[in-house]
N, C-alpha and C. Protein backbone atom coordinates (compact mmCIF):
# COMPACT_ATOMS: atom_id res chain seq x y z
N UNK A 1 105.06 141.38 123.43
CA UNK A 1 105.51 141.31 122.06
C UNK A 1 106.67 140.34 121.90
N UNK A 2 107.58 140.36 122.84
CA UNK A 2 108.71 139.44 122.77
C UNK A 2 108.26 138.00 122.86
N UNK A 3 107.21 137.74 123.65
CA UNK A 3 106.69 136.38 123.80
C UNK A 3 106.18 135.84 122.47
N UNK A 4 105.52 136.68 121.67
CA UNK A 4 105.04 136.24 120.36
C UNK A 4 106.19 135.89 119.44
N UNK A 5 107.25 136.68 119.46
CA UNK A 5 108.42 136.40 118.63
C UNK A 5 109.07 135.09 119.04
N UNK A 6 109.12 134.83 120.34
CA UNK A 6 109.70 133.57 120.83
C UNK A 6 108.87 132.38 120.37
N UNK A 7 107.54 132.50 120.42
CA UNK A 7 106.66 131.42 119.95
C UNK A 7 106.85 131.16 118.47
N UNK A 8 106.97 132.21 117.67
CA UNK A 8 107.16 132.07 116.22
C UNK A 8 108.51 131.42 115.94
N UNK A 9 109.55 131.86 116.67
CA UNK A 9 110.88 131.28 116.45
C UNK A 9 110.92 129.81 116.82
N UNK A 10 110.29 129.44 117.94
CA UNK A 10 110.29 128.02 118.32
C UNK A 10 109.47 127.20 117.34
N UNK A 11 108.38 127.76 116.80
CA UNK A 11 107.58 127.07 115.80
C UNK A 11 108.38 126.87 114.52
N UNK A 12 109.11 127.91 114.09
CA UNK A 12 109.95 127.79 112.90
C UNK A 12 111.08 126.80 113.12
N UNK A 13 111.62 126.77 114.34
CA UNK A 13 112.69 125.82 114.66
C UNK A 13 112.17 124.39 114.58
N UNK A 14 110.96 124.16 115.09
CA UNK A 14 110.36 122.82 115.04
C UNK A 14 110.11 122.41 113.60
N UNK A 15 109.55 123.29 112.81
CA UNK A 15 109.30 122.99 111.39
C UNK A 15 110.61 122.81 110.65
N UNK A 16 111.63 123.57 111.04
CA UNK A 16 112.94 123.42 110.41
C UNK A 16 113.52 122.05 110.65
N UNK A 17 113.41 121.56 111.87
CA UNK A 17 113.91 120.23 112.20
C UNK A 17 113.12 119.17 111.46
N UNK A 18 111.79 119.29 111.45
CA UNK A 18 110.95 118.34 110.72
C UNK A 18 111.27 118.38 109.23
N UNK A 19 111.44 119.57 108.69
CA UNK A 19 111.78 119.73 107.28
C UNK A 19 113.12 119.10 106.94
N UNK A 20 114.09 119.25 107.85
CA UNK A 20 115.40 118.65 107.63
C UNK A 20 115.30 117.13 107.63
N UNK A 21 114.55 116.59 108.57
CA UNK A 21 114.39 115.13 108.64
C UNK A 21 113.66 114.61 107.41
N UNK A 22 112.60 115.31 107.01
CA UNK A 22 111.85 114.90 105.81
C UNK A 22 112.75 115.00 104.57
N UNK A 23 113.52 116.06 104.49
CA UNK A 23 114.45 116.21 103.36
C UNK A 23 115.49 115.11 103.34
N UNK A 24 116.03 114.77 104.52
CA UNK A 24 117.01 113.68 104.61
C UNK A 24 116.38 112.36 104.16
N UNK A 25 115.12 112.13 104.56
CA UNK A 25 114.43 110.91 104.18
C UNK A 25 114.28 110.81 102.66
N UNK A 26 113.81 111.87 102.03
CA UNK A 26 113.58 111.84 100.58
C UNK A 26 114.89 111.64 99.83
N UNK A 27 115.90 112.38 100.23
CA UNK A 27 117.22 112.24 99.57
C UNK A 27 117.78 110.85 99.82
N UNK A 28 117.64 110.35 101.05
CA UNK A 28 118.15 109.01 101.37
C UNK A 28 117.45 107.94 100.53
N UNK A 29 116.14 108.07 100.35
CA UNK A 29 115.40 107.08 99.56
C UNK A 29 115.86 107.09 98.10
N UNK A 30 116.03 108.26 97.53
CA UNK A 30 116.48 108.36 96.14
C UNK A 30 117.88 107.78 96.00
N UNK A 31 118.78 108.21 96.86
CA UNK A 31 120.17 107.74 96.79
C UNK A 31 120.25 106.25 97.05
N UNK A 32 119.48 105.77 98.02
CA UNK A 32 119.51 104.35 98.35
C UNK A 32 119.01 103.49 97.19
N UNK A 33 117.96 103.94 96.53
CA UNK A 33 117.45 103.21 95.36
C UNK A 33 118.47 103.14 94.24
N UNK A 34 119.11 104.27 93.96
CA UNK A 34 120.15 104.31 92.92
C UNK A 34 121.32 103.42 93.31
N UNK A 35 121.73 103.51 94.57
CA UNK A 35 122.87 102.71 95.05
C UNK A 35 122.58 101.22 94.95
N UNK A 36 121.39 100.80 95.38
CA UNK A 36 121.04 99.37 95.32
C UNK A 36 121.01 98.88 93.88
N UNK A 37 120.55 99.73 92.97
CA UNK A 37 120.47 99.35 91.56
C UNK A 37 121.86 99.09 90.98
N UNK A 38 122.84 99.90 91.36
CA UNK A 38 124.17 99.80 90.77
C UNK A 38 125.15 98.93 91.55
N UNK A 39 124.77 98.45 92.72
CA UNK A 39 125.70 97.69 93.55
C UNK A 39 125.37 96.20 93.52
N UNK A 40 126.30 95.37 93.03
CA UNK A 40 126.07 93.92 93.07
C UNK A 40 126.11 93.43 94.52
N UNK A 41 125.20 92.53 94.87
CA UNK A 41 125.14 92.01 96.23
C UNK A 41 124.30 92.85 97.18
N UNK A 42 123.62 93.86 96.62
CA UNK A 42 122.78 94.76 97.42
C UNK A 42 121.40 94.74 96.78
N UNK A 43 120.40 94.29 97.53
CA UNK A 43 119.06 94.24 96.95
C UNK A 43 118.02 94.79 97.92
N UNK A 44 117.05 95.46 97.33
CA UNK A 44 115.89 95.95 98.05
C UNK A 44 114.69 95.43 97.26
N UNK A 45 113.86 94.62 97.89
CA UNK A 45 112.82 93.88 97.18
C UNK A 45 111.66 94.70 96.67
N UNK A 46 111.27 95.74 97.40
CA UNK A 46 110.09 96.50 96.97
C UNK A 46 110.16 97.93 97.48
N UNK A 47 109.16 98.71 97.10
CA UNK A 47 109.13 100.12 97.46
C UNK A 47 108.99 100.32 98.97
N UNK A 48 108.22 99.46 99.63
CA UNK A 48 108.06 99.59 101.08
C UNK A 48 109.37 99.32 101.81
N UNK A 49 110.11 98.33 101.35
CA UNK A 49 111.42 98.06 101.95
C UNK A 49 112.36 99.24 101.73
N UNK A 50 112.29 99.85 100.54
CA UNK A 50 113.11 101.03 100.26
C UNK A 50 112.74 102.18 101.20
N UNK A 51 111.44 102.42 101.37
CA UNK A 51 110.99 103.50 102.24
C UNK A 51 111.41 103.24 103.69
N UNK A 52 111.22 102.01 104.16
CA UNK A 52 111.59 101.69 105.53
C UNK A 52 113.10 101.77 105.73
N UNK A 53 113.87 101.30 104.74
CA UNK A 53 115.33 101.40 104.83
C UNK A 53 115.78 102.86 104.86
N UNK A 54 115.13 103.70 104.06
CA UNK A 54 115.47 105.12 104.07
C UNK A 54 115.16 105.74 105.42
N UNK A 55 114.05 105.33 106.03
CA UNK A 55 113.70 105.83 107.37
C UNK A 55 114.75 105.38 108.38
N UNK A 56 115.12 104.10 108.33
CA UNK A 56 116.11 103.57 109.27
C UNK A 56 117.45 104.28 109.09
N UNK A 57 117.89 104.46 107.84
CA UNK A 57 119.15 105.16 107.59
C UNK A 57 119.09 106.61 108.05
N UNK A 58 117.95 107.26 107.81
CA UNK A 58 117.80 108.65 108.23
C UNK A 58 117.85 108.76 109.76
N UNK A 59 117.18 107.88 110.44
CA UNK A 59 117.18 107.90 111.91
C UNK A 59 118.57 107.59 112.44
N UNK A 60 119.23 106.57 111.88
CA UNK A 60 120.58 106.25 112.34
C UNK A 60 121.53 107.41 112.10
N UNK A 61 121.46 108.03 110.92
CA UNK A 61 122.32 109.18 110.63
C UNK A 61 122.03 110.33 111.59
N UNK A 62 120.76 110.60 111.83
CA UNK A 62 120.37 111.68 112.74
C UNK A 62 120.92 111.42 114.15
N UNK A 63 120.77 110.17 114.63
CA UNK A 63 121.26 109.84 115.97
C UNK A 63 122.79 109.91 116.05
N UNK A 64 123.46 109.45 115.00
CA UNK A 64 124.91 109.51 114.99
C UNK A 64 125.37 110.97 115.03
N UNK A 65 124.76 111.81 114.22
CA UNK A 65 125.11 113.23 114.20
C UNK A 65 124.79 113.87 115.55
N UNK A 66 123.62 113.55 116.09
CA UNK A 66 123.16 114.16 117.35
C UNK A 66 124.10 113.82 118.51
N UNK A 67 124.53 112.56 118.59
CA UNK A 67 125.31 112.14 119.75
C UNK A 67 126.82 112.21 119.55
N UNK A 68 127.29 112.16 118.31
CA UNK A 68 128.74 112.18 118.09
C UNK A 68 129.22 113.39 117.29
N UNK A 69 128.32 113.99 116.53
CA UNK A 69 128.73 115.10 115.67
C UNK A 69 129.35 114.62 114.37
N UNK A 70 129.42 113.31 114.17
CA UNK A 70 130.01 112.74 112.96
C UNK A 70 128.91 112.43 111.96
N UNK A 71 129.19 112.66 110.68
CA UNK A 71 128.24 112.35 109.62
C UNK A 71 128.61 111.03 108.97
N UNK A 72 127.61 110.18 108.76
CA UNK A 72 127.87 108.89 108.12
C UNK A 72 127.66 109.01 106.61
N UNK A 73 128.44 109.88 106.02
CA UNK A 73 128.42 110.08 104.58
C UNK A 73 129.83 109.78 104.09
N UNK A 74 129.92 108.93 103.10
CA UNK A 74 131.23 108.44 102.68
C UNK A 74 132.09 109.50 102.00
N UNK A 75 131.50 110.33 101.17
CA UNK A 75 132.29 111.23 100.35
C UNK A 75 132.46 112.57 101.05
N UNK A 76 133.67 113.01 101.21
CA UNK A 76 133.93 114.32 101.77
C UNK A 76 133.96 114.36 103.29
N UNK A 77 133.74 113.25 103.95
CA UNK A 77 133.76 113.23 105.41
C UNK A 77 134.92 112.39 105.93
N UNK A 78 135.78 111.96 105.04
CA UNK A 78 136.96 111.23 105.46
C UNK A 78 136.70 109.77 105.75
N UNK A 79 137.71 109.15 106.32
CA UNK A 79 137.67 107.72 106.59
C UNK A 79 136.57 107.36 107.60
N UNK A 80 136.41 108.17 108.63
CA UNK A 80 135.40 107.89 109.65
C UNK A 80 134.00 107.92 109.04
N UNK A 81 133.73 108.91 108.19
CA UNK A 81 132.43 108.99 107.52
C UNK A 81 132.20 107.79 106.62
N UNK A 82 133.25 107.36 105.94
CA UNK A 82 133.14 106.19 105.07
C UNK A 82 132.82 104.94 105.89
N UNK A 83 133.54 104.72 106.98
CA UNK A 83 133.31 103.55 107.83
C UNK A 83 131.90 103.59 108.41
N UNK A 84 131.44 104.75 108.86
CA UNK A 84 130.08 104.87 109.39
C UNK A 84 129.05 104.57 108.31
N UNK A 85 129.29 105.00 107.08
CA UNK A 85 128.37 104.72 105.98
C UNK A 85 128.30 103.23 105.71
N UNK A 86 129.44 102.55 105.70
CA UNK A 86 129.46 101.10 105.49
C UNK A 86 128.68 100.40 106.59
N UNK A 87 128.93 100.79 107.83
CA UNK A 87 128.26 100.14 108.96
C UNK A 87 126.76 100.39 108.92
N UNK A 88 126.33 101.63 108.66
CA UNK A 88 124.89 101.91 108.64
C UNK A 88 124.20 101.19 107.50
N UNK A 89 124.84 101.12 106.33
CA UNK A 89 124.24 100.37 105.22
C UNK A 89 124.10 98.89 105.58
N UNK A 90 125.12 98.34 106.22
CA UNK A 90 125.10 96.92 106.56
C UNK A 90 124.10 96.62 107.67
N UNK A 91 124.09 97.42 108.73
CA UNK A 91 123.24 97.18 109.89
C UNK A 91 121.76 97.33 109.55
N UNK A 92 121.45 98.15 108.57
CA UNK A 92 120.05 98.38 108.19
C UNK A 92 119.34 97.09 107.83
N UNK A 93 120.05 96.11 107.29
CA UNK A 93 119.41 94.85 106.90
C UNK A 93 118.82 94.09 108.08
N UNK A 94 119.28 94.37 109.29
CA UNK A 94 118.74 93.69 110.47
C UNK A 94 117.44 94.32 110.95
N UNK A 95 117.09 95.48 110.40
CA UNK A 95 115.87 96.18 110.79
C UNK A 95 114.80 96.16 109.70
N UNK A 96 115.19 95.82 108.47
CA UNK A 96 114.28 95.93 107.33
C UNK A 96 114.19 94.61 106.59
N UNK A 97 112.98 94.06 106.52
CA UNK A 97 112.76 92.85 105.72
C UNK A 97 112.75 93.25 104.25
N UNK A 98 113.37 92.45 103.41
CA UNK A 98 113.43 92.75 101.99
C UNK A 98 114.63 93.59 101.60
N UNK A 99 115.54 93.81 102.54
CA UNK A 99 116.77 94.58 102.32
C UNK A 99 117.91 93.65 102.67
N UNK A 100 118.78 93.39 101.71
CA UNK A 100 119.93 92.53 102.02
C UNK A 100 121.18 93.11 101.36
N UNK A 101 122.29 92.98 102.08
CA UNK A 101 123.55 93.52 101.60
C UNK A 101 124.69 92.74 102.25
N UNK A 102 125.73 92.49 101.47
CA UNK A 102 126.93 91.84 102.00
C UNK A 102 127.92 92.92 102.43
N UNK A 103 128.96 92.49 103.14
CA UNK A 103 129.98 93.47 103.57
C UNK A 103 130.65 94.12 102.36
N UNK A 104 130.97 93.33 101.36
CA UNK A 104 131.62 93.88 100.16
C UNK A 104 130.68 94.86 99.46
N UNK A 105 129.41 94.48 99.36
CA UNK A 105 128.43 95.38 98.75
C UNK A 105 128.24 96.65 99.58
N UNK A 106 128.35 96.53 100.91
CA UNK A 106 128.24 97.71 101.77
C UNK A 106 129.40 98.67 101.52
N UNK A 107 130.58 98.13 101.29
CA UNK A 107 131.75 98.97 101.00
C UNK A 107 131.56 99.67 99.66
N UNK A 108 131.19 98.90 98.63
CA UNK A 108 130.95 99.48 97.30
C UNK A 108 129.76 100.44 97.36
N UNK A 109 128.71 100.03 98.06
CA UNK A 109 127.52 100.86 98.19
C UNK A 109 127.81 102.18 98.90
N UNK A 110 128.67 102.15 99.91
CA UNK A 110 129.03 103.38 100.62
C UNK A 110 129.75 104.35 99.68
N UNK A 111 130.59 103.81 98.81
CA UNK A 111 131.26 104.67 97.83
C UNK A 111 130.26 105.29 96.86
N UNK A 112 129.38 104.45 96.32
CA UNK A 112 128.37 104.94 95.38
C UNK A 112 127.43 105.91 96.08
N UNK A 113 126.97 105.54 97.28
CA UNK A 113 126.06 106.40 98.06
C UNK A 113 126.70 107.76 98.31
N UNK A 114 127.98 107.75 98.67
CA UNK A 114 128.69 109.01 98.94
C UNK A 114 128.81 109.89 97.72
N UNK A 115 129.13 109.30 96.58
CA UNK A 115 129.27 110.08 95.35
C UNK A 115 127.92 110.66 94.93
N UNK A 116 126.88 109.84 94.96
CA UNK A 116 125.55 110.32 94.57
C UNK A 116 125.05 111.37 95.56
N UNK A 117 125.31 111.16 96.86
CA UNK A 117 124.91 112.13 97.87
C UNK A 117 125.61 113.47 97.65
N UNK A 118 126.82 113.42 97.18
CA UNK A 118 127.56 114.64 96.90
C UNK A 118 127.00 115.37 95.68
N UNK A 119 126.54 114.61 94.69
CA UNK A 119 126.02 115.19 93.44
C UNK A 119 124.62 115.76 93.64
N UNK A 120 123.73 115.03 94.34
CA UNK A 120 122.35 115.47 94.53
C UNK A 120 122.35 116.65 95.50
N UNK A 121 121.72 117.74 95.11
CA UNK A 121 121.71 118.90 96.01
C UNK A 121 120.89 118.60 97.26
N UNK A 122 121.35 119.14 98.35
CA UNK A 122 120.68 118.97 99.64
C UNK A 122 121.41 119.78 100.67
N UNK A 123 121.28 119.38 101.92
CA UNK A 123 121.95 120.09 103.00
C UNK A 123 123.45 119.90 102.85
N UNK A 124 124.17 120.99 102.69
CA UNK A 124 125.62 120.93 102.55
C UNK A 124 126.25 121.35 103.86
N UNK A 125 127.05 120.46 104.42
CA UNK A 125 127.75 120.76 105.66
C UNK A 125 129.21 120.99 105.35
N UNK A 126 129.77 122.10 105.82
CA UNK A 126 131.19 122.37 105.53
C UNK A 126 132.12 121.40 106.18
């Protein structure tokens, strides 16, 4: 009986992780689209570039959290979170065709991204 409970818990844990990643992707895509629209010097050419950029940002954020414990969210995470958000927004352009951003736009975009991320409901980390 205990073995069945362990299998169910590990299955729920796997789905929980997948659900968190999928949720991060959807929220990242929405926030990224809004941020690109409002930030001068930041452009995403099409929906595929937006989706790929959201995937890249989600993976980078996941890896940063996994290996450092730091969140690359500008608002509410302090200076380090802000700097990580700027860097991840800027570096994404090297992985995604149709995504371009300047350093100044990355700074402004990180501020906008952080505020919108704070407003849109999602995973809240204390």
